Amino acid sequence: MAEFRRALPKSISLIGGIEPTKFLNYDMSQLQKYISEILKIMRGYGFVLANSDSCPPGVKYESFLTAVNVAQGKL
């Protein structure tokens, strides 16, 4: 996301940021840190935090809940 931010004008909004396999491979602490960094990079820009159009099989609900809680500032 940082590379896109540097390349595009501030008037362009972005959607994305979360690599889907991170939901599967990161523990909750790693996922929290990863998402927090994305949000820090994108602060002040038009941005929708999202993964791609799908996630790998086996992703736990807890992983999605962690993403929501970080985005809402609860973690």
PDB file of N, CA and C in Angstrom:
ATOM      1  N   MET A   1       0.822  -1.187   0.000  1.00  0.00           N
ATOM      2  CA  MET A   1       0.000   0.000   0.000  1.00  0.00           C
ATOM      3  C   MET A   1       0.870   1.257   0.000  1.00  0.00           C
ATOM      4  N   ALA A   2       1.981   1.197   0.694  1.00  0.00           N
ATOM      5  CA  ALA A   2       2.865   2.368   0.738  1.00  0.00           C
ATOM      6  C   ALA A   2       3.373   2.722  -0.655  1.00  0.00           C
ATOM      7  N   GLU A   3       3.682   1.718  -1.447  1.00  0.00           N
ATOM      8  CA  GLU A   3       4.171   1.961  -2.806  1.00  0.00           C
ATOM      9  C   GLU A   3       3.082   2.608  -3.671  1.00  0.00           C
ATOM     10  N   PHE A   4       1.859   2.121  -3.553  1.00  0.00           N
ATOM     11  CA  PHE A   4       0.754   2.727  -4.292  1.00  0.00           C
ATOM     12  C   PHE A   4       0.541   4.170  -3.851  1.00  0.00           C
ATOM     13  N   ARG A   5       0.626   4.405  -2.561  1.00  0.00           N
ATOM     14  CA  ARG A   5       0.401   5.758  -2.036  1.00  0.00           C
ATOM     15  C   ARG A   5       1.425   6.727  -2.609  1.00  0.00           C
ATOM     16  N   ARG A   6       2.656   6.280  -2.710  1.00  0.00           N
ATOM     17  CA  ARG A   6       3.702   7.157  -3.259  1.00  0.00           C
ATOM     18  C   ARG A   6       3.487   7.413  -4.750  1.00  0.00           C
ATOM     19  N   ALA A   7       2.926   6.443  -5.457  1.00  0.00           N
ATOM     20  CA  ALA A   7       2.793   6.545  -6.908  1.00  0.00           C
ATOM     21  C   ALA A   7       1.545   7.296  -7.357  1.00  0.00           C
ATOM     22  N   LEU A   8       0.526   7.332  -6.512  1.00  0.00           N
ATOM     23  CA  LEU A   8      -0.752   7.915  -6.920  1.00  0.00           C
ATOM     24  C   LEU A   8      -1.018   9.233  -6.206  1.00  0.00           C
ATOM     25  N   PRO A   9      -1.759  10.133  -6.856  1.00  0.00           N
ATOM     26  CA  PRO A   9      -2.115  11.385  -6.182  1.00  0.00           C
ATOM     27  C   PRO A   9      -3.088  11.124  -5.037  1.00  0.00           C
ATOM     28  N   LYS A  10      -3.123  12.043  -4.092  1.00  0.00           N
ATOM     29  CA  LYS A  10      -3.979  11.904  -2.922  1.00  0.00           C
ATOM     30  C   LYS A  10      -5.462  11.843  -3.293  1.00  0.00           C
ATOM     31  N   SER A  11      -5.816  12.354  -4.442  1.00  0.00           N
ATOM     32  CA  SER A  11      -7.213  12.361  -4.871  1.00  0.00           C
ATOM     33  C   SER A  11      -7.718  10.972  -5.283  1.00  0.00           C
ATOM     34  N   ILE A  12      -6.819  10.005  -5.435  1.00  0.00           N
ATOM     35  CA  ILE A  12      -7.198   8.637  -5.804  1.00  0.00           C
ATOM     36  C   ILE A  12      -7.393   7.811  -4.542  1.00  0.00           C
ATOM     37  N   SER A  13      -8.556   7.181  -4.418  1.00  0.00           N
ATOM     38  CA  SER A  13      -8.830   6.293  -3.283  1.00  0.00           C
ATOM     39  C   SER A  13      -8.472   4.863  -3.654  1.00  0.00           C
ATOM     40  N   LEU A  14      -8.127   4.080  -2.655  1.00  0.00           N
ATOM     41  CA  LEU A  14      -7.734   2.690  -2.878  1.00  0.00           C
ATOM     42  C   LEU A  14      -8.599   1.743  -2.053  1.00  0.00           C
ATOM     43  N   ILE A  15      -8.756   0.541  -2.558  1.00  0.00           N
ATOM     44  CA  ILE A  15      -9.426  -0.537  -1.846  1.00  0.00           C
ATOM     45  C   ILE A  15      -8.446  -1.700  -1.773  1.00  0.00           C
ATOM     46  N   GLY A  16      -8.310  -2.299  -0.611  1.00  0.00           N
ATOM     47  CA  GLY A  16      -7.454  -3.478  -0.500  1.00  0.00           C
ATOM     48  C   GLY A  16      -6.579  -3.440   0.732  1.00  0.00           C
ATOM     49  N   GLY A  17      -5.396  -3.976   0.575  1.00  0.00           N
ATOM     50  CA  GLY A  17      -4.420  -3.927   1.638  1.00  0.00           C
ATOM     51  C   GLY A  17      -4.128  -5.242   2.311  1.00  0.00           C
ATOM     52  N   ILE A  18      -5.145  -6.076   2.487  1.00  0.00           N
ATOM     53  CA  ILE A  18      -4.926  -7.312   3.226  1.00  0.00           C
ATOM     54  C   ILE A  18      -4.684  -8.464   2.252  1.00  0.00           C
ATOM     55  N   GLU A  19      -3.501  -9.012   2.289  1.00  0.00           N
ATOM     56  CA  GLU A  19      -3.190 -10.202   1.509  1.00  0.00           C
ATOM     57  C   GLU A  19      -3.979 -11.366   2.118  1.00  0.00           C
ATOM     58  N   PRO A  20      -4.843 -12.041   1.347  1.00  0.00           N
ATOM     59  CA  PRO A  20      -5.735 -13.057   1.904  1.00  0.00           C
ATOM     60  C   PRO A  20      -5.040 -14.158   2.710  1.00  0.00           C
ATOM     61  N   THR A  21      -3.843 -14.559   2.295  1.00  0.00           N
ATOM     62  CA  THR A  21      -3.171 -15.634   3.027  1.00  0.00           C
ATOM     63  C   THR A  21      -2.741 -15.209   4.430  1.00  0.00           C
ATOM     64  N   LYS A  22      -2.674 -13.898   4.684  1.00  0.00           N
ATOM     65  CA  LYS A  22      -2.330 -13.435   6.037  1.00  0.00           C
ATOM     66  C   LYS A  22      -3.405 -13.866   7.030  1.00  0.00           C
ATOM     67  N   PHE A  23      -4.671 -13.871   6.591  1.00  0.00           N
ATOM     68  CA  PHE A  23      -5.746 -14.342   7.453  1.00  0.00           C
ATOM     69  C   PHE A  23      -5.525 -15.797   7.863  1.00  0.00           C
ATOM     70  N   LEU A  24      -4.941 -16.563   6.985  1.00  0.00           N
ATOM     71  CA  LEU A  24      -4.736 -17.983   7.222  1.00  0.00           C
ATOM     72  C   LEU A  24      -3.443 -18.263   7.991  1.00  0.00           C
ATOM     73  N   ASN A  25      -2.380 -17.548   7.646  1.00  0.00           N
ATOM     74  CA  ASN A  25      -1.057 -17.886   8.155  1.00  0.00           C
ATOM     75  C   ASN A  25      -0.602 -17.107   9.386  1.00  0.00           C
ATOM     76  N   TYR A  26      -1.168 -15.947   9.648  1.00  0.00           N
ATOM     77  CA  TYR A  26      -0.740 -15.145  10.787  1.00  0.00           C
ATOM     78  C   TYR A  26      -1.550 -15.497  12.026  1.00  0.00           C
ATOM     79  N   ASP A  27      -0.881 -15.484  13.181  1.00  0.00           N
ATOM     80  CA  ASP A  27      -1.654 -15.586  14.422  1.00  0.00           C
ATOM     81  C   ASP A  27      -2.296 -14.225  14.671  1.00  0.00           C
ATOM     82  N   MET A  28      -3.158 -14.138  15.672  1.00  0.00           N
ATOM     83  CA  MET A  28      -3.939 -12.912  15.873  1.00  0.00           C
ATOM     84  C   MET A  28      -3.050 -11.701  16.169  1.00  0.00           C
ATOM     85  N   SER A  29      -1.961 -11.912  16.876  1.00  0.00           N
ATOM     86  CA  SER A  29      -1.043 -10.812  17.185  1.00  0.00           C
ATOM     87  C   SER A  29      -0.366 -10.296  15.911  1.00  0.00           C
ATOM     88  N   GLN A  30       0.092 -11.199  15.069  1.00  0.00           N
ATOM     89  CA  GLN A  30       0.733 -10.814  13.812  1.00  0.00           C
ATOM     90  C   GLN A  30      -0.265 -10.116  12.894  1.00  0.00           C
ATOM     91  N   LEU A  31      -1.485 -10.643  12.844  1.00  0.00           N
ATOM     92  CA  LEU A  31      -2.515 -10.054  12.006  1.00  0.00           C
ATOM     93  C   LEU A  31      -2.868  -8.649  12.476  1.00  0.00           C
ATOM     94  N   GLN A  32      -2.967  -8.490  13.782  1.00  0.00           N
ATOM     95  CA  GLN A  32      -3.259  -7.171  14.353  1.00  0.00           C
ATOM     96  C   GLN A  32      -2.175  -6.168  13.966  1.00  0.00           C
ATOM     97  N   LYS A  33      -0.934  -6.550  14.091  1.00  0.00           N
ATOM     98  CA  LYS A  33       0.183  -5.662  13.744  1.00  0.00           C
ATOM     99  C   LYS A  33       0.173  -5.338  12.243  1.00  0.00           C
ATOM    100  N   TYR A  34      -0.048  -6.346  11.424  1.00  0.00           N
ATOM    101  CA  TYR A  34      -0.078  -6.182   9.969  1.00  0.00           C
ATOM    102  C   TYR A  34      -1.153  -5.182   9.549  1.00  0.00           C
ATOM    103  N   ILE A  35      -2.363  -5.349  10.077  1.00  0.00           N
ATOM    104  CA  ILE A  35      -3.465  -4.460   9.716  1.00  0.00           C
ATOM    105  C   ILE A  35      -3.240  -3.062  10.277  1.00  0.00           C
ATOM    106  N   SER A  36      -2.709  -2.966  11.470  1.00  0.00           N
ATOM    107  CA  SER A  36      -2.404  -1.657  12.054  1.00  0.00           C
ATOM    108  C   SER A  36      -1.423  -0.877  11.190  1.00  0.00           C
ATOM    109  N   GLU A  37      -0.438  -1.568  10.636  1.00  0.00           N
ATOM    110  CA  GLU A  37       0.543  -0.915   9.760  1.00  0.00           C
ATOM    111  C   GLU A  37      -0.117  -0.412   8.474  1.00  0.00           C
ATOM    112  N   ILE A  38      -1.009  -1.205   7.904  1.00  0.00           N
ATOM    113  CA  ILE A  38      -1.723  -0.775   6.703  1.00  0.00           C
ATOM    114  C   ILE A  38      -2.525   0.489   7.004  1.00  0.00           C
ATOM    115  N   LEU A  39      -3.242   0.477   8.111  1.00  0.00           N
ATOM    116  CA  LEU A  39      -4.056   1.639   8.472  1.00  0.00           C
ATOM    117  C   LEU A  39      -3.197   2.874   8.734  1.00  0.00           C
ATOM    118  N   LYS A  40      -2.031   2.672   9.313  1.00  0.00           N
ATOM    119  CA  LYS A  40      -1.109   3.786   9.566  1.00  0.00           C
ATOM    120  C   LYS A  40      -0.631   4.385   8.239  1.00  0.00           C
ATOM    121  N   ILE A  41      -0.253   3.528   7.306  1.00  0.00           N
ATOM    122  CA  ILE A  41       0.210   3.974   5.991  1.00  0.00           C
ATOM    123  C   ILE A  41      -0.874   4.758   5.270  1.00  0.00           C
ATOM    124  N   MET A  42      -2.123   4.314   5.400  1.00  0.00           N
ATOM    125  CA  MET A  42      -3.221   4.885   4.626  1.00  0.00           C
ATOM    126  C   MET A  42      -3.951   6.025   5.336  1.00  0.00           C
ATOM    127  N   ARG A  43      -3.573   6.333   6.551  1.00  0.00           N
ATOM    128  CA  ARG A  43      -4.229   7.419   7.301  1.00  0.00           C
ATOM    129  C   ARG A  43      -4.192   8.719   6.496  1.00  0.00           C
ATOM    130  N   GLY A  44      -5.348   9.353   6.389  1.00  0.00           N
ATOM    131  CA  GLY A  44      -5.441  10.629   5.686  1.00  0.00           C
ATOM    132  C   GLY A  44      -5.766  10.509   4.203  1.00  0.00           C
ATOM    133  N   TYR A  45      -5.891   9.279   3.707  1.00  0.00           N
ATOM    134  CA  TYR A  45      -6.211   9.037   2.302  1.00  0.00           C
ATOM    135  C   TYR A  45      -7.569   8.353   2.206  1.00  0.00           C
ATOM    136  N   GLY A  46      -8.227   8.478   1.061  1.00  0.00           N
ATOM    137  CA  GLY A  46      -9.427   7.697   0.810  1.00  0.00           C
ATOM    138  C   GLY A  46      -9.043   6.234   0.736  1.00  0.00           C
ATOM    139  N   PHE A  47      -9.660   5.396   1.563  1.00  0.00           N
ATOM    140  CA  PHE A  47      -9.206   4.016   1.661  1.00  0.00           C
ATOM    141  C   PHE A  47     -10.307   3.120   2.213  1.00  0.00           C
ATOM    142  N   VAL A  48     -10.464   1.953   1.585  1.00  0.00           N
ATOM    143  CA  VAL A  48     -11.356   0.914   2.092  1.00  0.00           C
ATOM    144  C   VAL A  48     -10.484  -0.303   2.389  1.00  0.00           C
ATOM    145  N   LEU A  49     -10.397  -0.673   3.656  1.00  0.00           N
ATOM    146  CA  LEU A  49      -9.615  -1.838   4.056  1.00  0.00           C
ATOM    147  C   LEU A  49     -10.343  -3.093   3.608  1.00  0.00           C
ATOM    148  N   ALA A  50      -9.672  -3.943   2.846  1.00  0.00           N
ATOM    149  CA  ALA A  50     -10.304  -5.156   2.328  1.00  0.00           C
ATOM    150  C   ALA A  50      -9.235  -6.168   1.946  1.00  0.00           C
ATOM    151  N   ASN A  51      -9.673  -7.407   1.800  1.00  0.00           N
ATOM    152  CA  ASN A  51      -8.828  -8.420   1.184  1.00  0.00           C
ATOM    153  C   ASN A  51      -9.283  -8.547  -0.267  1.00  0.00           C
ATOM    154  N   SER A  52      -8.722  -9.490  -0.982  1.00  0.00           N
ATOM    155  CA  SER A  52      -9.185  -9.678  -2.361  1.00  0.00           C
ATOM    156  C   SER A  52     -10.596 -10.251  -2.329  1.00  0.00           C
ATOM    157  N   ASP A  53     -11.070 -10.711  -3.447  1.00  0.00           N
ATOM    158  CA  ASP A  53     -12.456 -11.169  -3.517  1.00  0.00           C
ATOM    159  C   ASP A  53     -12.713 -12.493  -2.811  1.00  0.00           C
ATOM    160  N   SER A  54     -11.692 -13.143  -2.300  1.00  0.00           N
ATOM    161  CA  SER A  54     -11.896 -14.403  -1.588  1.00  0.00           C
ATOM    162  C   SER A  54     -10.746 -14.648  -0.622  1.00  0.00           C
ATOM    163  N   CYS A  55     -10.953 -15.600   0.259  1.00  0.00           N
ATOM    164  CA  CYS A  55      -9.915 -16.026   1.192  1.00  0.00           C
ATOM    165  C   CYS A  55      -9.736 -17.528   1.052  1.00  0.00           C
ATOM    166  N   PRO A  56      -8.557 -18.019   1.424  1.00  0.00           N
ATOM    167  CA  PRO A  56      -8.346 -19.462   1.322  1.00  0.00           C
ATOM    168  C   PRO A  56      -9.257 -20.225   2.286  1.00  0.00           C
ATOM    169  N   PRO A  57      -9.570 -21.468   1.963  1.00  0.00           N
ATOM    170  CA  PRO A  57     -10.363 -22.288   2.880  1.00  0.00           C
ATOM    171  C   PRO A  57      -9.657 -22.414   4.234  1.00  0.00           C
ATOM    172  N   GLY A  58     -10.434 -22.458   5.284  1.00  0.00           N
ATOM    173  CA  GLY A  58      -9.867 -22.663   6.613  1.00  0.00           C
ATOM    174  C   GLY A  58      -9.635 -21.400   7.413  1.00  0.00           C
ATOM    175  N   VAL A  59      -9.905 -20.232   6.836  1.00  0.00           N
ATOM    176  CA  VAL A  59      -9.733 -18.988   7.587  1.00  0.00           C
ATOM    177  C   VAL A  59     -10.766 -18.952   8.710  1.00  0.00           C
ATOM    178  N   LYS A  60     -10.310 -18.640   9.904  1.00  0.00           N
ATOM    179  CA  LYS A  60     -11.183 -18.637  11.075  1.00  0.00           C
ATOM    180  C   LYS A  60     -11.908 -17.303  11.226  1.00  0.00           C
ATOM    181  N   TYR A  61     -13.102 -17.387  11.759  1.00  0.00           N
ATOM    182  CA  TYR A  61     -13.906 -16.200  12.060  1.00  0.00           C
ATOM    183  C   TYR A  61     -13.114 -15.221  12.918  1.00  0.00           C
ATOM    184  N   GLU A  62     -12.331 -15.736  13.853  1.00  0.00           N
ATOM    185  CA  GLU A  62     -11.531 -14.907  14.758  1.00  0.00           C
ATOM    186  C   GLU A  62     -10.591 -13.977  13.980  1.00  0.00           C
ATOM    187  N   SER A  63     -10.089 -14.436  12.853  1.00  0.00           N
ATOM    188  CA  SER A  63      -9.197 -13.604  12.038  1.00  0.00           C
ATOM    189  C   SER A  63      -9.943 -12.401  11.467  1.00  0.00           C
ATOM    190  N   PHE A  64     -11.145 -12.633  10.947  1.00  0.00           N
ATOM    191  CA  PHE A  64     -11.944 -11.524  10.424  1.00  0.00           C
ATOM    192  C   PHE A  64     -12.349 -10.576  11.547  1.00  0.00           C
ATOM    193  N   LEU A  65     -12.683 -11.130  12.694  1.00  0.00           N
ATOM    194  CA  LEU A  65     -13.061 -10.311  13.843  1.00  0.00           C
ATOM    195  C   LEU A  65     -11.889  -9.446  14.303  1.00  0.00           C
ATOM    196  N   THR A  66     -10.701  -9.985  14.262  1.00  0.00           N
ATOM    197  CA  THR A  66      -9.501  -9.213  14.604  1.00  0.00           C
ATOM    198  C   THR A  66      -9.348  -8.035  13.647  1.00  0.00           C
ATOM    199  N   ALA A  67      -9.548  -8.264  12.360  1.00  0.00           N
ATOM    200  CA  ALA A  67      -9.447  -7.172  11.373  1.00  0.00           C
ATOM    201  C   ALA A  67     -10.469  -6.080  11.665  1.00  0.00           C
ATOM    202  N   VAL A  68     -11.690  -6.472  11.965  1.00  0.00           N
ATOM    203  CA  VAL A  68     -12.739  -5.503  12.268  1.00  0.00           C
ATOM    204  C   VAL A  68     -12.377  -4.718  13.519  1.00  0.00           C
ATOM    205  N   ASN A  69     -11.933  -5.397  14.545  1.00  0.00           N
ATOM    206  CA  ASN A  69     -11.601  -4.717  15.813  1.00  0.00           C
ATOM    207  C   ASN A  69     -10.429  -3.762  15.667  1.00  0.00           C
ATOM    208  N   VAL A  70      -9.447  -4.127  14.867  1.00  0.00           N
ATOM    209  CA  VAL A  70      -8.327  -3.213  14.620  1.00  0.00           C
ATOM    210  C   VAL A  70      -8.825  -1.983  13.859  1.00  0.00           C
ATOM    211  N   ALA A  71      -9.627  -2.203  12.823  1.00  0.00           N
ATOM    212  CA  ALA A  71     -10.139  -1.092  12.019  1.00  0.00           C
ATOM    213  C   ALA A  71     -11.010  -0.147  12.855  1.00  0.00           C
ATOM    214  N   GLN A  72     -11.720  -0.688  13.833  1.00  0.00           N
ATOM    215  CA  GLN A  72     -12.567   0.129  14.684  1.00  0.00           C
ATOM    216  C   GLN A  72     -11.817   0.719  15.874  1.00  0.00           C
ATOM    217  N   GLY A  73     -10.530   0.444  15.956  1.00  0.00           N
ATOM    218  CA  GLY A  73      -9.712   0.992  17.043  1.00  0.00           C
ATOM    219  C   GLY A  73      -9.907   0.293  18.379  1.00  0.00           C
ATOM    220  N   LYS A  74     -10.466  -0.900  18.357  1.00  0.00           N
ATOM    221  CA  LYS A  74     -10.689  -1.651  19.597  1.00  0.00           C
ATOM    222  C   LYS A  74      -9.466  -2.467  20.004  1.00  0.00           C
ATOM    223  N   LEU A  75      -8.532  -2.654  19.091  1.00  0.00           N
ATOM    224  CA  LEU A  75      -7.284  -3.382  19.396  1.00  0.00           C
ATOM    225  C   LEU A  75      -6.103  -2.509  19.069  1.00  0.00           C
TER     226      LEU A  75
END
